[in-house]
C-alpha atoms as a PDB file:
ATOM      1  CA  MET A   1      32.189 -20.515  27.958  1.00  0.00           C
ATOM      2  CA  GLU A   2      30.190 -17.415  28.941  1.00  0.00           C
ATOM      3  CA  ILE A   3      31.148 -15.647  25.685  1.00  0.00           C
ATOM      4  CA  LEU A   4      29.920 -18.662  23.702  1.00  0.00           C
ATOM      5  CA  SER A   5      26.630 -18.625  25.630  1.00  0.00           C
ATOM      6  CA  LYS A   6      26.118 -14.909  24.890  1.00  0.00           C
ATOM      7  CA  ARG A   7      26.763 -15.515  21.185  1.00  0.00           C
ATOM      8  CA  PHE A   8      24.167 -18.311  21.090  1.00  0.00           C
ATOM      9  CA  ARG A   9      21.605 -16.101  22.841  1.00  0.00           C
ATOM     10  CA  LEU A  10      22.340 -13.254  20.422  1.00  0.00           C
ATOM     11  CA  ALA A  11      22.082 -15.603  17.424  1.00  0.00           C
ATOM     12  CA  GLY A  12      18.793 -16.969  18.765  1.00  0.00           C
ATOM     13  CA  ALA A  13      17.405 -13.476  19.296  1.00  0.00           C
ATOM     14  CA  LEU A  14      18.396 -12.429  15.760  1.00  0.00           C
ATOM     15  CA  ALA A  15      16.813 -15.560  14.288  1.00  0.00           C
ATOM     16  CA  ALA A  16      13.572 -14.876  16.177  1.00  0.00           C
ATOM     17  CA  LEU A  17      13.568 -11.271  14.976  1.00  0.00           C
ATOM     18  CA  ALA A  18      14.111 -12.413  11.374  1.00  0.00           C
ATOM     19  CA  MET A  19      11.153 -14.811  11.590  1.00  0.00           C
ATOM     20  CA  LEU A  20       8.934 -11.978  12.778  1.00  0.00           C
ATOM     21  CA  THR A  21      10.193  -9.659  10.042  1.00  0.00           C
ATOM     22  CA  PHE A  22       9.758 -11.970   7.023  1.00  0.00           C
ATOM     23  CA  PRO A  23       5.905 -11.867   7.008  1.00  0.00           C
ATOM     24  CA  ALA A  24       6.041  -8.057   6.975  1.00  0.00           C
ATOM     25  CA  LEU A  25       8.491  -8.085   4.078  1.00  0.00           C
ATOM     26  CA  ALA A  26       6.318 -10.526   2.149  1.00  0.00           C
ATOM     27  CA  HIS A  27       3.355  -8.168   2.528  1.00  0.00           C
ATOM     28  CA  HIS A  28       5.226  -5.237   1.020  1.00  0.00           C
ATOM     29  CA  GLY A  29       6.434  -4.937  -2.516  1.00  0.00           C
ATOM     30  CA  TRP A  30       4.461  -6.158  -5.496  1.00  0.00           C
ATOM     31  CA  SER A  31       4.624  -9.949  -5.180  1.00  0.00           C
ATOM     32  CA  TRP A  32       1.100 -10.093  -3.750  1.00  0.00           C
ATOM     33  CA  THR A  33      -0.411  -8.308  -6.760  1.00  0.00           C
ATOM     34  CA  GLN A  34      -1.610  -9.559 -10.142  1.00  0.00           C
ATOM     35  CA  ASP A  35       0.158  -8.660 -13.364  1.00  0.00           C
ATOM     36  CA  GLY A  36      -1.672  -6.149 -15.515  1.00  0.00           C
ATOM     37  CA  PHE A  37      -3.412  -2.978 -14.479  1.00  0.00           C
ATOM     38  CA  PHE A  38      -6.726  -2.689 -12.708  1.00  0.00           C
ATOM     39  CA  GLU A  39      -8.953   0.390 -12.432  1.00  0.00           C
ATOM     40  CA  LEU A  40     -11.159   1.030  -9.429  1.00  0.00           C
ATOM     41  CA  ARG A  41     -13.778   3.815  -9.213  1.00  0.00           C
ATOM     42  CA  GLY A  42     -15.593   4.730  -6.046  1.00  0.00           C
ATOM     43  CA  THR A  43     -15.973   7.121  -3.144  1.00  0.00           C
ATOM     44  CA  ILE A  44     -13.381   7.693  -0.438  1.00  0.00           C
ATOM     45  CA  ALA A  45     -14.589   6.200   2.852  1.00  0.00           C
ATOM     46  CA  ASP A  46     -11.336   6.803   4.786  1.00  0.00           C
ATOM     47  CA  ILE A  47      -7.837   8.209   4.252  1.00  0.00           C
ATOM     48  CA  TYR A  48      -4.683   7.213   6.135  1.00  0.00           C
ATOM     49  CA  ILE A  49      -1.319   8.812   5.444  1.00  0.00           C
ATOM     50  CA  GLY A  50       1.154   6.996   7.664  1.00  0.00           C
ATOM     51  CA  ASN A  51       3.493   4.052   7.985  1.00  0.00           C
ATOM     52  CA  PRO A  52       4.078   1.586   6.534  1.00  0.00           C
ATOM     53  CA  HIS A  53       2.195   3.098   3.565  1.00  0.00           C
ATOM     54  CA  ALA A  54      -0.714   5.417   2.927  1.00  0.00           C
ATOM     55  CA  THR A  55      -4.109   3.840   2.265  1.00  0.00           C
ATOM     56  CA  LEU A  56      -7.540   4.761   1.019  1.00  0.00           C
ATOM     57  CA  ASP A  57     -10.668   2.832   1.873  1.00  0.00           C
ATOM     58  CA  VAL A  58     -12.890   3.172  -1.175  1.00  0.00           C
ATOM     59  CA  ASP A  59     -16.616   2.448  -1.265  1.00  0.00           C
ATOM     60  CA  VAL A  60     -17.503   0.741  -4.538  1.00  0.00           C
ATOM     61  CA  GLU A  61     -21.251   0.128  -4.648  1.00  0.00           C
ATOM     62  CA  GLY A  62     -21.350  -0.784  -0.937  1.00  0.00           C
ATOM     63  CA  ASP A  63     -18.134  -2.847  -0.902  1.00  0.00           C
ATOM     64  CA  ILE A  64     -15.102  -1.328   0.809  1.00  0.00           C
ATOM     65  CA  TRP A  65     -11.826  -1.762  -1.048  1.00  0.00           C
ATOM     66  CA  ARG A  66      -8.414  -1.147   0.521  1.00  0.00           C
ATOM     67  CA  VAL A  67      -6.247   0.868  -1.866  1.00  0.00           C
ATOM     68  CA  GLU A  68      -2.623   0.846  -0.798  1.00  0.00           C
ATOM     69  CA  LEU A  69      -0.458   3.751  -1.898  1.00  0.00           C
ATOM     70  CA  ALA A  70       3.273   4.339  -1.436  1.00  0.00           C
ATOM     71  CA  PRO A  71       5.046   4.933   1.886  1.00  0.00           C
ATOM     72  CA  PRO A  72       4.094   8.344   3.349  1.00  0.00           C
ATOM     73  CA  ALA A  73       7.136  10.295   2.126  1.00  0.00           C
ATOM     74  CA  ARG A  74       6.681   9.093  -1.457  1.00  0.00           C
ATOM     75  CA  THR A  75       2.897   9.610  -1.384  1.00  0.00           C
ATOM     76  CA  ILE A  76       3.294  13.166  -0.064  1.00  0.00           C
ATOM     77  CA  ALA A  77       6.093  13.886  -2.578  1.00  0.00           C
ATOM     78  CA  ALA A  78       3.599  12.938  -5.310  1.00  0.00           C
ATOM     79  CA  GLY A  79       1.365  15.723  -3.962  1.00  0.00           C
ATOM     80  CA  PHE A  80      -1.230  13.529  -2.266  1.00  0.00           C
ATOM     81  CA  THR A  81      -1.923  14.642   1.290  1.00  0.00           C
ATOM     82  CA  ASP A  82      -4.993  14.416   3.494  1.00  0.00           C
ATOM     83  CA  GLU A  83      -5.701  18.052   2.532  1.00  0.00           C
ATOM     84  CA  VAL A  84      -6.301  17.332  -1.186  1.00  0.00           C
ATOM     85  CA  ALA A  85      -9.009  14.745  -0.598  1.00  0.00           C
ATOM     86  CA  LYS A  86     -11.717  14.006   1.936  1.00  0.00           C
ATOM     87  CA  LYS A  87     -14.281  11.356   2.743  1.00  0.00           C
ATOM     88  CA  GLY A  88     -17.012  11.351   0.124  1.00  0.00           C
ATOM     89  CA  ASP A  89     -14.777  12.461  -2.770  1.00  0.00           C
ATOM     90  CA  GLU A  90     -14.891  10.428  -5.967  1.00  0.00           C
ATOM     91  CA  VAL A  91     -11.636   8.614  -6.692  1.00  0.00           C
ATOM     92  CA  VAL A  92     -10.186   6.610  -9.555  1.00  0.00           C
ATOM     93  CA  ALA A  93      -7.299   4.315  -8.657  1.00  0.00           C
ATOM     94  CA  ILE A  94      -5.121   2.552 -11.230  1.00  0.00           C
ATOM     95  CA  GLY A  95      -2.750  -0.176 -10.141  1.00  0.00           C
ATOM     96  CA  ASN A  96      -2.538  -3.874  -9.456  1.00  0.00           C
ATOM     97  CA  ARG A  97      -5.199  -5.971  -7.772  1.00  0.00           C
ATOM     98  CA  SER A  98      -4.434  -8.568  -5.105  1.00  0.00           C
ATOM     99  CA  ARG A  99      -3.692 -12.072  -6.443  1.00  0.00           C
ATOM    100  CA  ASP A 100      -6.243 -13.287  -3.883  1.00  0.00           C
ATOM    101  CA  GLU A 101      -9.448 -12.302  -5.663  1.00  0.00           C
ATOM    102  CA  THR A 102     -11.477 -12.814  -2.469  1.00  0.00           C
ATOM    103  CA  GLU A 103      -9.639  -9.738  -1.128  1.00  0.00           C
ATOM    104  CA  LYS A 104     -10.958  -6.345  -2.046  1.00  0.00           C
ATOM    105  CA  ARG A 105      -7.476  -4.869  -2.137  1.00  0.00           C
ATOM    106  CA  MET A 106      -5.126  -3.254  -4.637  1.00  0.00           C
ATOM    107  CA  LYS A 107      -1.865  -1.346  -4.798  1.00  0.00           C
ATOM    108  CA  ALA A 108      -2.302   1.908  -6.692  1.00  0.00           C
ATOM    109  CA  VAL A 109       0.299   3.530  -8.895  1.00  0.00           C
ATOM    110  CA  ARG A 110      -1.963   6.489  -9.771  1.00  0.00           C
ATOM    111  CA  ILE A 111      -5.002   8.033  -8.146  1.00  0.00           C
ATOM    112  CA  THR A 112      -7.216  10.826  -9.395  1.00  0.00           C
ATOM    113  CA  VAL A 113      -9.310  12.866  -6.967  1.00  0.00           C
ATOM    114  CA  ASN A 114     -11.261  16.025  -7.788  1.00  0.00           C
ATOM    115  CA  GLY A 115      -9.723  16.124 -11.276  1.00  0.00           C
ATOM    116  CA  GLU A 116      -6.176  16.063  -9.876  1.00  0.00           C
ATOM    117  CA  THR A 117      -3.885  13.126 -10.669  1.00  0.00           C
ATOM    118  CA  PHE A 118      -1.244  11.827  -8.267  1.00  0.00           C
ATOM    119  CA  ASP A 119       1.355   9.346  -9.502  1.00  0.00           C
ATOM    120  CA  VAL A 120       2.525   7.704  -6.285  1.00  0.00           C
ATOM    121  CA  TYR A 121       4.611   5.222  -8.297  1.00  0.00           C
ATOM    122  CA  ALA A 122       5.409   7.324 -11.382  1.00  0.00           C
ATOM    123  CA  ASP A 123       7.893   4.712 -12.630  1.00  0.00           C
ATOM    124  CA  ARG A 124       5.081   2.124 -12.779  1.00  0.00           C
ATOM    125  CA  VAL A 125       2.283   4.187 -14.345  1.00  0.00           C
ATOM    126  CA  PRO A 126       0.898   2.510 -17.484  1.00  0.00           C
ATOM    127  CA  PRO A 127       1.539   4.254 -20.791  1.00  0.00           C
ATOM    128  CA  SER A 128      -1.371   6.389 -21.986  1.00  0.00           C
END
């Protein structure tokens, strides 16, 4: 009887953990983005290179846009680190805008800062 009780508690704990994990999984990936590419030009207001993915806050004529990049290892492997860009630098981001057009948010596949291009999702970069 005690073994059965432990199994039910374990199953309940795993189910609770899964329910907490699903919203995080839904946020990641590309399902929240529109089809087709979007270009954003502005000035870097903030840089974050960390988990779950690197981000840039970009000032576009007074509106702050969140530009999501790849996870840190992939972003850094593409050559983009917090040493190659700083607040105030001009940036061009190409990627996919949020399906929710009230959100000022996009997921970038390529960013260009100071004339240097970084393909954080090289397999998704649009053909030239």
